PDB file of all heavy atoms in Angstrom:
ATOM      1  N   VAL A   1      14.503 -66.288  98.111  1.00  0.00           N
ATOM      2  CA  VAL A   1      15.289 -65.101  97.764  1.00  0.00           C
ATOM      3  C   VAL A   1      15.179 -64.054  98.877  1.00  0.00           C
ATOM      4  O   VAL A   1      16.144 -63.351  99.155  1.00  0.00           O
ATOM      5  CB  VAL A   1      14.864 -64.550  96.382  1.00  0.00           C
ATOM      6  CG1 VAL A   1      15.541 -63.222  96.095  1.00  0.00           C
ATOM      7  CG2 VAL A   1      15.192 -65.565  95.291  1.00  0.00           C
ATOM      8  N   GLN A   2      14.026 -63.988  99.547  1.00  0.00           N
ATOM      9  CA  GLN A   2      13.906 -63.077 100.683  1.00  0.00           C
ATOM     10  C   GLN A   2      14.933 -63.423 101.759  1.00  0.00           C
ATOM     11  O   GLN A   2      15.389 -62.552 102.496  1.00  0.00           O
ATOM     12  CB  GLN A   2      12.495 -63.131 101.264  1.00  0.00           C
ATOM     13  CG  GLN A   2      11.467 -62.450 100.388  1.00  0.00           C
ATOM     14  CD  GLN A   2      10.051 -62.653 100.904  1.00  0.00           C
ATOM     15  OE1 GLN A   2       9.717 -63.686 101.463  1.00  0.00           O
ATOM     16  NE2 GLN A   2       9.221 -61.644 100.702  1.00  0.00           N
ATOM     17  N   ARG A   3      15.306 -64.676 101.831  1.00  0.00           N
ATOM     18  CA  ARG A   3      16.284 -65.119 102.833  1.00  0.00           C
ATOM     19  C   ARG A   3      17.705 -64.667 102.501  1.00  0.00           C
ATOM     20  O   ARG A   3      18.599 -64.816 103.323  1.00  0.00           O
ATOM     21  CB  ARG A   3      16.216 -66.635 102.982  1.00  0.00           C
ATOM     22  CG  ARG A   3      14.897 -67.056 103.579  1.00  0.00           C
ATOM     23  CD  ARG A   3      14.714 -68.545 103.562  1.00  0.00           C
ATOM     24  NE  ARG A   3      13.372 -68.860 104.028  1.00  0.00           N
ATOM     25  CZ  ARG A   3      12.668 -69.896 103.619  1.00  0.00           C
ATOM     26  NH1 ARG A   3      13.175 -70.743 102.746  1.00  0.00           N
ATOM     27  NH2 ARG A   3      11.471 -70.117 104.090  1.00  0.00           N
ATOM     28  N   PHE A   4      17.912 -64.103 101.326  1.00  0.00           N
ATOM     29  CA  PHE A   4      19.232 -63.573 100.998  1.00  0.00           C
ATOM     30  C   PHE A   4      19.629 -62.492 102.001  1.00  0.00           C
ATOM     31  O   PHE A   4      20.808 -62.311 102.289  1.00  0.00           O
ATOM     32  CB  PHE A   4      19.280 -63.026  99.576  1.00  0.00           C
ATOM     33  CG  PHE A   4      19.335 -64.075  98.491  1.00  0.00           C
ATOM     34  CD1 PHE A   4      19.254 -65.435  98.769  1.00  0.00           C
ATOM     35  CD2 PHE A   4      19.468 -63.696  97.178  1.00  0.00           C
ATOM     36  CE1 PHE A   4      19.309 -66.393  97.756  1.00  0.00           C
ATOM     37  CE2 PHE A   4      19.540 -64.636  96.154  1.00  0.00           C
ATOM     38  CZ  PHE A   4      19.460 -65.988  96.451  1.00  0.00           C
ATOM     39  N   ALA A   5      18.654 -61.766 102.547  1.00  0.00           N
ATOM     40  CA  ALA A   5      18.955 -60.753 103.555  1.00  0.00           C
ATOM     41  C   ALA A   5      19.537 -61.396 104.809  1.00  0.00           C
ATOM     42  O   ALA A   5      20.425 -60.836 105.458  1.00  0.00           O
ATOM     43  CB  ALA A   5      17.693 -59.964 103.906  1.00  0.00           C
ATOM     44  N   VAL A   6      19.051 -62.581 105.138  1.00  0.00           N
ATOM     45  CA  VAL A   6      19.572 -63.328 106.278  1.00  0.00           C
ATOM     46  C   VAL A   6      20.996 -63.797 105.985  1.00  0.00           C
ATOM     47  O   VAL A   6      21.885 -63.708 106.832  1.00  0.00           O
ATOM     48  CB  VAL A   6      18.655 -64.533 106.595  1.00  0.00           C
ATOM     49  CG1 VAL A   6      19.265 -65.423 107.654  1.00  0.00           C
ATOM     50  CG2 VAL A   6      17.276 -64.046 107.008  1.00  0.00           C
ATOM     51  N   LEU A   7      21.195 -64.285 104.763  1.00  0.00           N
ATOM     52  CA  LEU A   7      22.537 -64.724 104.374  1.00  0.00           C
ATOM     53  C   LEU A   7      23.525 -63.560 104.392  1.00  0.00           C
ATOM     54  O   LEU A   7      24.683 -63.730 104.768  1.00  0.00           O
ATOM     55  CB  LEU A   7      22.514 -65.367 102.984  1.00  0.00           C
ATOM     56  CG  LEU A   7      21.822 -66.717 102.895  1.00  0.00           C
ATOM     57  CD1 LEU A   7      21.717 -67.155 101.443  1.00  0.00           C
ATOM     58  CD2 LEU A   7      22.555 -67.765 103.713  1.00  0.00           C
ATOM     59  N   GLU A   8      23.061 -62.401 103.987  1.00  0.00           N
ATOM     60  CA  GLU A   8      23.944 -61.227 104.036  1.00  0.00           C
ATOM     61  C   GLU A   8      24.295 -60.897 105.491  1.00  0.00           C
ATOM     62  O   GLU A   8      25.453 -60.646 105.818  1.00  0.00           O
ATOM     63  CB  GLU A   8      23.276 -60.026 103.366  1.00  0.00           C
ATOM     64  CG  GLU A   8      24.156 -58.803 103.347  1.00  0.00           C
ATOM     65  CD  GLU A   8      23.570 -57.637 102.581  1.00  0.00           C
ATOM     66  OE1 GLU A   8      22.436 -57.747 102.072  1.00  0.00           O
ATOM     67  OE2 GLU A   8      24.257 -56.606 102.500  1.00  0.00           O
ATOM     68  N   HIS A   9      23.306 -60.925 106.353  1.00  0.00           N
ATOM     69  CA  HIS A   9      23.533 -60.590 107.760  1.00  0.00           C
ATOM     70  C   HIS A   9      24.488 -61.573 108.445  1.00  0.00           C
ATOM     71  O   HIS A   9      25.439 -61.160 109.101  1.00  0.00           O
ATOM     72  CB  HIS A   9      22.200 -60.566 108.514  1.00  0.00           C
ATOM     73  CG  HIS A   9      22.334 -60.327 109.975  1.00  0.00           C
ATOM     74  ND1 HIS A   9      22.514 -59.069 110.508  1.00  0.00           N
ATOM     75  CD2 HIS A   9      22.350 -61.185 111.023  1.00  0.00           C
ATOM     76  CE1 HIS A   9      22.628 -59.158 111.813  1.00  0.00           C
ATOM     77  NE2 HIS A   9      22.531 -60.432 112.163  1.00  0.00           N
ATOM     78  N   TYR A  10      24.217 -62.863 108.287  1.00  0.00           N
ATOM     79  CA  TYR A  10      25.005 -63.870 109.003  1.00  0.00           C
ATOM     80  C   TYR A  10      26.256 -64.348 108.263  1.00  0.00           C
ATOM     81  O   TYR A  10      27.220 -64.764 108.894  1.00  0.00           O
ATOM     82  CB  TYR A  10      24.141 -65.099 109.321  1.00  0.00           C
ATOM     83  CG  TYR A  10      23.151 -64.871 110.425  1.00  0.00           C
ATOM     84  CD1 TYR A  10      21.789 -64.862 110.162  1.00  0.00           C
ATOM     85  CD2 TYR A  10      23.568 -64.671 111.739  1.00  0.00           C
ATOM     86  CE1 TYR A  10      20.869 -64.678 111.181  1.00  0.00           C
ATOM     87  CE2 TYR A  10      22.654 -64.469 112.766  1.00  0.00           C
ATOM     88  CZ  TYR A  10      21.304 -64.477 112.477  1.00  0.00           C
ATOM     89  OH  TYR A  10      20.402 -64.285 113.493  1.00  0.00           O
ATOM     90  N   ARG A  11      26.212 -64.334 106.927  1.00  0.00           N
ATOM     91  CA  ARG A  11      27.304 -64.943 106.165  1.00  0.00           C
ATOM     92  C   ARG A  11      27.959 -64.009 105.152  1.00  0.00           C
ATOM     93  O   ARG A  11      28.870 -64.405 104.433  1.00  0.00           O
ATOM     94  CB  ARG A  11      26.809 -66.191 105.426  1.00  0.00           C
ATOM     95  CG  ARG A  11      26.215 -67.272 106.333  1.00  0.00           C
ATOM     96  CD  ARG A  11      27.280 -67.857 107.247  1.00  0.00           C
ATOM     97  NE  ARG A  11      26.771 -68.978 108.014  1.00  0.00           N
ATOM     98  CZ  ARG A  11      26.602 -68.958 109.333  1.00  0.00           C
ATOM     99  NH1 ARG A  11      26.894 -67.882 110.033  1.00  0.00           N
ATOM    100  NH2 ARG A  11      26.147 -70.033 109.964  1.00  0.00           N
ATOM    101  N   GLY A  12      27.486 -62.765 105.056  1.00  0.00           N
ATOM    102  CA  GLY A  12      28.095 -61.815 104.132  1.00  0.00           C
ATOM    103  C   GLY A  12      27.786 -62.076 102.668  1.00  0.00           C
ATOM    104  O   GLY A  12      28.435 -61.515 101.788  1.00  0.00           O
ATOM    105  N   PHE A  13      26.779 -62.907 102.384  1.00  0.00           N
ATOM    106  CA  PHE A  13      26.420 -63.210 100.997  1.00  0.00           C
ATOM    107  C   PHE A  13      25.564 -62.084 100.426  1.00  0.00           C
ATOM    108  O   PHE A  13      24.628 -61.623 101.072  1.00  0.00           O
ATOM    109  CB  PHE A  13      25.630 -64.520 100.919  1.00  0.00           C
ATOM    110  CG  PHE A  13      25.156 -64.850  99.529  1.00  0.00           C
ATOM    111  CD1 PHE A  13      25.991 -65.491  98.647  1.00  0.00           C
ATOM    112  CD2 PHE A  13      23.882 -64.506  99.120  1.00  0.00           C
ATOM    113  CE1 PHE A  13      25.561 -65.799  97.356  1.00  0.00           C
ATOM    114  CE2 PHE A  13      23.436 -64.809  97.834  1.00  0.00           C
ATOM    115  CZ  PHE A  13      24.281 -65.454  96.957  1.00  0.00           C
ATOM    116  N   VAL A  14      25.906 -61.654  99.227  1.00  0.00           N
ATOM    117  CA  VAL A  14      25.092 -60.657  98.518  1.00  0.00           C
ATOM    118  C   VAL A  14      24.773 -61.180  97.120  1.00  0.00           C
ATOM    119  O   VAL A  14      25.501 -62.023  96.581  1.00  0.00           O
ATOM    120  CB  VAL A  14      25.790 -59.278  98.429  1.00  0.00           C
ATOM    121  CG1 VAL A  14      25.944 -58.648  99.805  1.00  0.00           C
ATOM    122  CG2 VAL A  14      27.122 -59.378  97.747  1.00  0.00           C
ATOM    123  N   VAL A  15      23.706 -60.672  96.554  1.00  0.00           N
ATOM    124  CA  VAL A  15      23.334 -61.043  95.194  1.00  0.00           C
ATOM    125  C   VAL A  15      24.497 -60.665  94.284  1.00  0.00           C
ATOM    126  O   VAL A  15      25.007 -59.536  94.358  1.00  0.00           O
ATOM    127  CB  VAL A  15      22.042 -60.316  94.754  1.00  0.00           C
ATOM    128  CG1 VAL A  15      21.729 -60.577  93.295  1.00  0.00           C
ATOM    129  CG2 VAL A  15      20.873 -60.732  95.645  1.00  0.00           C
ATOM    130  N   PRO A  16      24.944 -61.591  93.440  1.00  0.00           N
ATOM    131  CA  PRO A  16      26.067 -61.284  92.549  1.00  0.00           C
ATOM    132  C   PRO A  16      25.804 -60.024  91.720  1.00  0.00           C
ATOM    133  O   PRO A  16      24.676 -59.775  91.282  1.00  0.00           O
ATOM    134  CB  PRO A  16      26.160 -62.530  91.660  1.00  0.00           C
ATOM    135  CG  PRO A  16      25.548 -63.618  92.478  1.00  0.00           C
ATOM    136  CD  PRO A  16      24.465 -62.962  93.280  1.00  0.00           C
ATOM    137  N   GLN A  17      26.839 -59.253  91.510  1.00  0.00           N
ATOM    138  CA  GLN A  17      26.735 -57.982  90.791  1.00  0.00           C
ATOM    139  C   GLN A  17      26.075 -58.127  89.421  1.00  0.00           C
ATOM    140  O   GLN A  17      25.286 -57.288  89.017  1.00  0.00           O
ATOM    141  CB  GLN A  17      28.135 -57.364  90.636  1.00  0.00           C
ATOM    142  CG  GLN A  17      28.115 -55.938  90.177  1.00  0.00           C
ATOM    143  CD  GLN A  17      27.514 -54.986  91.194  1.00  0.00           C
ATOM    144  OE1 GLN A  17      27.499 -55.245  92.394  1.00  0.00           O
ATOM    145  NE2 GLN A  17      26.999 -53.879  90.715  1.00  0.00           N
ATOM    146  N   GLU A  18      26.376 -59.207  88.715  1.00  0.00           N
ATOM    147  CA  GLU A  18      25.842 -59.364  87.357  1.00  0.00           C
ATOM    148  C   GLU A  18      24.359 -59.722  87.321  1.00  0.00           C
ATOM    149  O   GLU A  18      23.757 -59.750  86.249  1.00  0.00           O
ATOM    150  CB  GLU A  18      26.635 -60.412  86.590  1.00  0.00           C
ATOM    151  CG  GLU A  18      26.434 -61.831  87.081  1.00  0.00           C
ATOM    152  CD  GLU A  18      27.342 -62.806  86.369  1.00  0.00           C
ATOM    153  OE1 GLU A  18      26.943 -63.296  85.301  1.00  0.00           O
ATOM    154  OE2 GLU A  18      28.451 -63.048  86.887  1.00  0.00           O
ATOM    155  N   CYS A  19      23.749 -59.950  88.456  1.00  0.00           N
ATOM    156  CA  CYS A  19      22.338 -60.363  88.507  1.00  0.00           C
ATOM    157  C   CYS A  19      21.409 -59.146  88.562  1.00  0.00           C
ATOM    158  O   CYS A  19      20.614 -58.972  89.496  1.00  0.00           O
ATOM    159  CB  CYS A  19      22.113 -61.299  89.680  1.00  0.00           C
ATOM    160  SG  CYS A  19      22.966 -62.871  89.510  1.00  0.00           S
ATOM    161  N   GLU A  20      21.487 -58.315  87.539  1.00  0.00           N
ATOM    162  CA  GLU A  20      20.685 -57.094  87.465  1.00  0.00           C
ATOM    163  C   GLU A  20      19.194 -57.399  87.401  1.00  0.00           C
ATOM    164  O   GLU A  20      18.394 -56.742  88.062  1.00  0.00           O
ATOM    165  CB  GLU A  20      21.113 -56.265  86.258  1.00  0.00           C
ATOM    166  CG  GLU A  20      22.541 -55.796  86.329  1.00  0.00           C
ATOM    167  CD  GLU A  20      23.047 -55.274  84.995  1.00  0.00           C
ATOM    168  OE1 GLU A  20      22.246 -55.097  84.053  1.00  0.00           O
ATOM    169  OE2 GLU A  20      24.264 -55.044  84.905  1.00  0.00           O
ATOM    170  N   ARG A  21      18.816 -58.364  86.565  1.00  0.00           N
ATOM    171  CA  ARG A  21      17.390 -58.707  86.439  1.00  0.00           C
ATOM    172  C   ARG A  21      16.857 -59.312  87.735  1.00  0.00           C
ATOM    173  O   ARG A  21      15.702 -59.103  88.077  1.00  0.00           O
ATOM    174  CB  ARG A  21      17.172 -59.688  85.290  1.00  0.00           C
ATOM    175  CG  ARG A  21      17.272 -59.084  83.898  1.00  0.00           C
ATOM    176  CD  ARG A  21      16.119 -58.120  83.590  1.00  0.00           C
ATOM    177  NE  ARG A  21      14.805 -58.688  83.821  1.00  0.00           N
ATOM    178  CZ  ARG A  21      14.137 -59.475  82.987  1.00  0.00           C
ATOM    179  NH1 ARG A  21      14.642 -59.785  81.828  1.00  0.00           N
ATOM    180  NH2 ARG A  21      12.946 -59.940  83.312  1.00  0.00           N
ATOM    181  N   LEU A  22      17.685 -60.028  88.457  1.00  0.00           N
ATOM    182  CA  LEU A  22      17.262 -60.577  89.745  1.00  0.00           C
ATOM    183  C   LEU A  22      16.946 -59.440  90.705  1.00  0.00           C
ATOM    184  O   LEU A  22      15.948 -59.476  91.419  1.00  0.00           O
ATOM    185  CB  LEU A  22      18.337 -61.499  90.314  1.00  0.00           C
ATOM    186  CG  LEU A  22      18.052 -62.118  91.683  1.00  0.00           C
ATOM    187  CD1 LEU A  22      16.733 -62.874  91.705  1.00  0.00           C
ATOM    188  CD2 LEU A  22      19.207 -63.037  92.086  1.00  0.00           C
ATOM    189  N   ARG A  23      17.754 -58.399  90.700  1.00  0.00           N
ATOM    190  CA  ARG A  23      17.496 -57.241  91.555  1.00  0.00           C
ATOM    191  C   ARG A  23      16.188 -56.549  91.163  1.00  0.00           C
ATOM    192  O   ARG A  23      15.410 -56.141  92.034  1.00  0.00           O
ATOM    193  CB  ARG A  23      18.652 -56.254  91.484  1.00  0.00           C
ATOM    194  CG  ARG A  23      19.938 -56.759  92.083  1.00  0.00           C
ATOM    195  CD  ARG A  23      21.072 -55.728  91.849  1.00  0.00           C
ATOM    196  NE  ARG A  23      22.361 -56.322  91.902  1.00  0.00           N
ATOM    197  CZ  ARG A  23      22.989 -56.685  93.011  1.00  0.00           C
ATOM    198  NH1 ARG A  23      22.408 -56.508  94.170  1.00  0.00           N
ATOM    199  NH2 ARG A  23      24.183 -57.230  92.967  1.00  0.00           N
ATOM    200  N   VAL A  24      15.939 -56.417  89.860  1.00  0.00           N
ATOM    201  CA  VAL A  24      14.682 -55.833  89.377  1.00  0.00           C
ATOM    202  C   VAL A  24      13.509 -56.705  89.820  1.00  0.00           C
ATOM    203  O   VAL A  24      12.473 -56.196  90.277  1.00  0.00           O
ATOM    204  CB  VAL A  24      14.713 -55.670  87.840  1.00  0.00           C
ATOM    205  CG1 VAL A  24      13.339 -55.333  87.287  1.00  0.00           C
ATOM    206  CG2 VAL A  24      15.737 -54.608  87.441  1.00  0.00           C
ATOM    207  N   TRP A  25      13.671 -58.022  89.686  1.00  0.00           N
ATOM    208  CA  TRP A  25      12.625 -58.962  90.075  1.00  0.00           C
ATOM    209  C   TRP A  25      12.327 -58.839  91.576  1.00  0.00           C
ATOM    210  O   TRP A  25      11.160 -58.799  91.983  1.00  0.00           O
ATOM    211  CB  TRP A  25      13.054 -60.384  89.726  1.00  0.00           C
ATOM    212  CG  TRP A  25      12.093 -61.434  90.153  1.00  0.00           C
ATOM    213  CD1 TRP A  25      10.994 -61.868  89.463  1.00  0.00           C
ATOM    214  CD2 TRP A  25      12.125 -62.190  91.367  1.00  0.00           C
ATOM    215  NE1 TRP A  25      10.348 -62.848  90.178  1.00  0.00           N
ATOM    216  CE2 TRP A  25      11.026 -63.062  91.358  1.00  0.00           C
ATOM    217  CE3 TRP A  25      12.985 -62.213  92.457  1.00  0.00           C
ATOM    218  CZ2 TRP A  25      10.761 -63.946  92.392  1.00  0.00           C
ATOM    219  CZ3 TRP A  25      12.720 -63.088  93.508  1.00  0.00           C
ATOM    220  CH2 TRP A  25      11.622 -63.945  93.467  1.00  0.00           C
ATOM    221  N   ILE A  26      13.364 -58.763  92.402  1.00  0.00           N
ATOM    222  CA  ILE A  26      13.179 -58.632  93.848  1.00  0.00           C
ATOM    223  C   ILE A  26      12.386 -57.362  94.158  1.00  0.00           C
ATOM    224  O   ILE A  26      11.440 -57.383  94.954  1.00  0.00           O
ATOM    225  CB  ILE A  26      14.540 -58.627  94.586  1.00  0.00           C
ATOM    226  CG1 ILE A  26      15.187 -60.013  94.497  1.00  0.00           C
ATOM    227  CG2 ILE A  26      14.376 -58.190  96.037  1.00  0.00           C
ATOM    228  CD1 ILE A  26      16.646 -60.056  94.944  1.00  0.00           C
ATOM    229  N   ALA A  27      12.743 -56.263  93.523  1.00  0.00           N
ATOM    230  CA  ALA A  27      12.038 -54.997  93.749  1.00  0.00           C
ATOM    231  C   ALA A  27      10.585 -55.095  93.288  1.00  0.00           C
ATOM    232  O   ALA A  27       9.675 -54.632  93.997  1.00  0.00           O
ATOM    233  CB  ALA A  27      12.754 -53.859  93.021  1.00  0.00           C
ATOM    234  N   ALA A  28      10.346 -55.704  92.125  1.00  0.00           N
ATOM    235  CA  ALA A  28       8.982 -55.837  91.609  1.00  0.00           C
ATOM    236  C   ALA A  28       8.134 -56.719  92.518  1.00  0.00           C
ATOM    237  O   ALA A  28       6.970 -56.402  92.799  1.00  0.00           O
ATOM    238  CB  ALA A  28       9.005 -56.401  90.187  1.00  0.00           C
ATOM    239  N   MET A  29       8.702 -57.814  92.987  1.00  0.00           N
ATOM    240  CA  MET A  29       7.958 -58.697  93.890  1.00  0.00           C
ATOM    241  C   MET A  29       7.646 -57.977  95.194  1.00  0.00           C
ATOM    242  O   MET A  29       6.549 -58.118  95.740  1.00  0.00           O
ATOM    243  CB  MET A  29       8.747 -59.979  94.159  1.00  0.00           C
ATOM    244  CG  MET A  29       8.856 -60.916  92.978  1.00  0.00           C
ATOM    245  SD  MET A  29       7.277 -61.569  92.371  1.00  0.00           S
ATOM    246  CE  MET A  29       6.802 -62.667  93.708  1.00  0.00           C
ATOM    247  N   SER A  30       8.572 -57.180  95.679  1.00  0.00           N
ATOM    248  CA  SER A  30       8.383 -56.460  96.943  1.00  0.00           C
ATOM    249  C   SER A  30       7.276 -55.422  96.868  1.00  0.00           C
ATOM    250  O   SER A  30       6.721 -55.031  97.895  1.00  0.00           O
ATOM    251  CB  SER A  30       9.688 -55.781  97.368  1.00  0.00           C
ATOM    252  OG  SER A  30      10.672 -56.751  97.601  1.00  0.00           O
ATOM    253  N   GLU A  31       6.968 -54.968  95.668  1.00  0.00           N
ATOM    254  CA  GLU A  31       5.924 -53.960  95.478  1.00  0.00           C
ATOM    255  C   GLU A  31       4.515 -54.548  95.424  1.00  0.00           C
ATOM    256  O   GLU A  31       3.534 -53.815  95.534  1.00  0.00           O
ATOM    257  CB  GLU A  31       6.184 -53.178  94.182  1.00  0.00           C
ATOM    258  CG  GLU A  31       7.435 -52.323  94.221  1.00  0.00           C
ATOM    259  CD  GLU A  31       7.323 -51.204  95.246  1.00  0.00           C
ATOM    260  OE1 GLU A  31       6.248 -50.577  95.353  1.00  0.00           O
ATOM    261  OE2 GLU A  31       8.321 -50.963  95.960  1.00  0.00           O
ATOM    262  N   LEU A  32       4.402 -55.856  95.272  1.00  0.00           N
ATOM    263  CA  LEU A  32       3.084 -56.481  95.169  1.00  0.00           C
ATOM    264  C   LEU A  32       2.338 -56.389  96.505  1.00  0.00           C
ATOM    265  O   LEU A  32       2.905 -56.722  97.551  1.00  0.00           O
ATOM    266  CB  LEU A  32       3.219 -57.946  94.763  1.00  0.00           C
ATOM    267  CG  LEU A  32       3.809 -58.211  93.379  1.00  0.00           C
ATOM    268  CD1 LEU A  32       4.073 -59.704  93.190  1.00  0.00           C
ATOM    269  CD2 LEU A  32       2.866 -57.688  92.300  1.00  0.00           C
ATOM    270  N   PRO A  33       1.073 -55.944  96.483  1.00  0.00           N
ATOM    271  CA  PRO A  33       0.308 -55.861  97.736  1.00  0.00           C
ATOM    272  C   PRO A  33       0.237 -57.194  98.477  1.00  0.00           C
ATOM    273  O   PRO A  33       0.326 -57.222  99.709  1.00  0.00           O
ATOM    274  CB  PRO A  33      -1.080 -55.408  97.274  1.00  0.00           C
ATOM    275  CG  PRO A  33      -0.826 -54.675  95.999  1.00  0.00           C
ATOM    276  CD  PRO A  33       0.325 -55.411  95.347  1.00  0.00           C
ATOM    277  N   SER A  34       0.107 -58.294  97.756  1.00  0.00           N
ATOM    278  CA  SER A  34       0.028 -59.605  98.419  1.00  0.00           C
ATOM    279  C   SER A  34       1.328 -59.932  99.142  1.00  0.00           C
ATOM    280  O   SER A  34       1.310 -60.535 100.220  1.00  0.00           O
ATOM    281  CB  SER A  34      -0.299 -60.700  97.406  1.00  0.00           C
ATOM    282  OG  SER A  34       0.698 -60.761  96.396  1.00  0.00           O
ATOM    283  N   VAL A  35       2.440 -59.531  98.584  1.00  0.00           N
ATOM    284  CA  VAL A  35       3.738 -59.773  99.218  1.00  0.00           C
ATOM    285  C   VAL A  35       3.900 -58.844 100.418  1.00  0.00           C
ATOM    286  O   VAL A  35       4.318 -59.270 101.498  1.00  0.00           O
ATOM    287  CB  VAL A  35       4.886 -59.609  98.204  1.00  0.00           C
ATOM    288  CG1 VAL A  35       6.242 -59.655  98.884  1.00  0.00           C
ATOM    289  CG2 VAL A  35       4.784 -60.686  97.123  1.00  0.00           C
ATOM    290  N   GLN A  36       3.541 -57.586 100.248  1.00  0.00           N
ATOM    291  CA  GLN A  36       3.666 -56.633 101.354  1.00  0.00           C
ATOM    292  C   GLN A  36       2.809 -57.039 102.549  1.00  0.00           C
ATOM    293  O   GLN A  36       3.210 -56.863 103.692  1.00  0.00           O
ATOM    294  CB  GLN A  36       3.294 -55.228 100.884  1.00  0.00           C
ATOM    295  CG  GLN A  36       4.311 -54.648  99.938  1.00  0.00           C
ATOM    296  CD  GLN A  36       3.924 -53.275  99.423  1.00  0.00           C
ATOM    297  OE1 GLN A  36       2.827 -52.767  99.681  1.00  0.00           O
ATOM    298  NE2 GLN A  36       4.827 -52.660  98.689  1.00  0.00           N
ATOM    299  N   ALA A  37       1.658 -57.630 102.271  1.00  0.00           N
ATOM    300  CA  ALA A  37       0.748 -58.028 103.342  1.00  0.00           C
ATOM    301  C   ALA A  37       1.224 -59.259 104.104  1.00  0.00           C
ATOM    302  O   ALA A  37       0.804 -59.483 105.245  1.00  0.00           O
ATOM    303  CB  ALA A  37      -0.642 -58.285 102.774  1.00  0.00           C
ATOM    304  N   THR A  38       2.087 -60.043 103.484  1.00  0.00           N
ATOM    305  CA  THR A  38       2.454 -61.321 104.107  1.00  0.00           C
ATOM    306  C   THR A  38       3.933 -61.480 104.433  1.00  0.00           C
ATOM    307  O   THR A  38       4.291 -62.400 105.166  1.00  0.00           O
ATOM    308  CB  THR A  38       2.053 -62.491 103.196  1.00  0.00           C
ATOM    309  OG1 THR A  38       2.702 -62.352 101.926  1.00  0.00           O
ATOM    310  CG2 THR A  38       0.543 -62.537 102.999  1.00  0.00           C
ATOM    311  N   GLN A  39       4.789 -60.629 103.909  1.00  0.00           N
ATOM    312  CA  GLN A  39       6.219 -60.853 104.122  1.00  0.00           C
ATOM    313  C   GLN A  39       6.657 -60.443 105.519  1.00  0.00           C
ATOM    314  O   GLN A  39       6.099 -59.545 106.127  1.00  0.00           O
ATOM    315  CB  GLN A  39       7.052 -60.148 103.065  1.00  0.00           C
ATOM    316  CG  GLN A  39       7.201 -58.662 103.207  1.00  0.00           C
ATOM    317  CD  GLN A  39       8.054 -58.090 102.092  1.00  0.00           C
ATOM    318  OE1 GLN A  39       8.492 -58.783 101.195  1.00  0.00           O
ATOM    319  NE2 GLN A  39       8.283 -56.807 102.142  1.00  0.00           N
ATOM    320  N   ARG A  40       7.656 -61.156 105.984  1.00  0.00           N
ATOM    321  CA  ARG A  40       8.258 -60.845 107.271  1.00  0.00           C
ATOM    322  C   ARG A  40       9.308 -59.760 107.058  1.00  0.00           C
ATOM    323  O   ARG A  40       9.902 -59.665 105.992  1.00  0.00           O
ATOM    324  CB  ARG A  40       8.902 -62.096 107.848  1.00  0.00           C
ATOM    325  CG  ARG A  40       7.868 -63.185 108.132  1.00  0.00           C
ATOM    326  CD  ARG A  40       8.523 -64.483 108.430  1.00  0.00           C
ATOM    327  NE  ARG A  40       8.636 -64.649 109.875  1.00  0.00           N
ATOM    328  CZ  ARG A  40       9.238 -65.670 110.456  1.00  0.00           C
ATOM    329  NH1 ARG A  40       9.795 -66.621 109.738  1.00  0.00           N
ATOM    330  NH2 ARG A  40       9.297 -65.762 111.762  1.00  0.00           N
ATOM    331  N   THR A  41       9.562 -58.989 108.091  1.00  0.00           N
ATOM    332  CA  THR A  41      10.587 -57.959 107.995  1.00  0.00           C
ATOM    333  C   THR A  41      11.964 -58.620 108.066  1.00  0.00           C
ATOM    334  O   THR A  41      12.099 -59.754 108.528  1.00  0.00           O
ATOM    335  CB  THR A  41      10.456 -56.946 109.150  1.00  0.00           C
ATOM    336  OG1 THR A  41      10.733 -57.614 110.384  1.00  0.00           O
ATOM    337  CG2 THR A  41       9.072 -56.302 109.172  1.00  0.00           C
ATOM    338  N   VAL A  42      12.977 -57.895 107.641  1.00  0.00           N
ATOM    339  CA  VAL A  42      14.340 -58.422 107.708  1.00  0.00           C
ATOM    340  C   VAL A  42      14.720 -58.752 109.158  1.00  0.00           C
ATOM    341  O   VAL A  42      15.256 -59.839 109.409  1.00  0.00           O
ATOM    342  CB  VAL A  42      15.351 -57.461 107.037  1.00  0.00           C
ATOM    343  CG1 VAL A  42      16.781 -57.901 107.308  1.00  0.00           C
ATOM    344  CG2 VAL A  42      15.081 -57.388 105.534  1.00  0.00           C
ATOM    345  N   PRO A  43      14.441 -57.886 110.137  1.00  0.00           N
ATOM    346  CA  PRO A  43      14.762 -58.272 111.523  1.00  0.00           C
ATOM    347  C   PRO A  43      14.040 -59.554 111.970  1.00  0.00           C
ATOM    348  O   PRO A  43      14.618 -60.365 112.696  1.00  0.00           O
ATOM    349  CB  PRO A  43      14.321 -57.062 112.351  1.00  0.00           C
ATOM    350  CG  PRO A  43      14.438 -55.907 111.402  1.00  0.00           C
ATOM    351  CD  PRO A  43      14.027 -56.473 110.065  1.00  0.00           C
ATOM    352  N   GLN A  44      12.806 -59.737 111.544  1.00  0.00           N
ATOM    353  CA  GLN A  44      12.083 -60.966 111.882  1.00  0.00           C
ATOM    354  C   GLN A  44      12.762 -62.190 111.261  1.00  0.00           C
ATOM    355  O   GLN A  44      12.900 -63.225 111.908  1.00  0.00           O
ATOM    356  CB  GLN A  44      10.626 -60.898 111.411  1.00  0.00           C
ATOM    357  CG  GLN A  44       9.763 -59.960 112.207  1.00  0.00           C
ATOM    358  CD  GLN A  44       8.397 -59.771 111.588  1.00  0.00           C
ATOM    359  OE1 GLN A  44       8.237 -59.759 110.367  1.00  0.00           O
ATOM    360  NE2 GLN A  44       7.390 -59.596 112.432  1.00  0.00           N
ATOM    361  N   LEU A  45      13.172 -62.060 110.008  1.00  0.00           N
ATOM    362  CA  LEU A  45      13.857 -63.168 109.340  1.00  0.00           C
ATOM    363  C   LEU A  45      15.189 -63.474 110.022  1.00  0.00           C
ATOM    364  O   LEU A  45      15.535 -64.637 110.226  1.00  0.00           O
ATOM    365  CB  LEU A  45      14.087 -62.846 107.863  1.00  0.00           C
ATOM    366  CG  LEU A  45      12.857 -62.897 106.966  1.00  0.00           C
ATOM    367  CD1 LEU A  45      13.179 -62.304 105.599  1.00  0.00           C
ATOM    368  CD2 LEU A  45      12.346 -64.318 106.833  1.00  0.00           C
TER     369      LEU A  45
END
């Protein structure tokens, strides 16, 4: 799902509008210290 940012950059793909819970999930996962410590930045991806 983190790769969706890459798909948006290269292919114009965005999370479908109706996927509200997916957006909440992405935000919640991004707030986890373990994720913050290990995730790559969007430019890196």
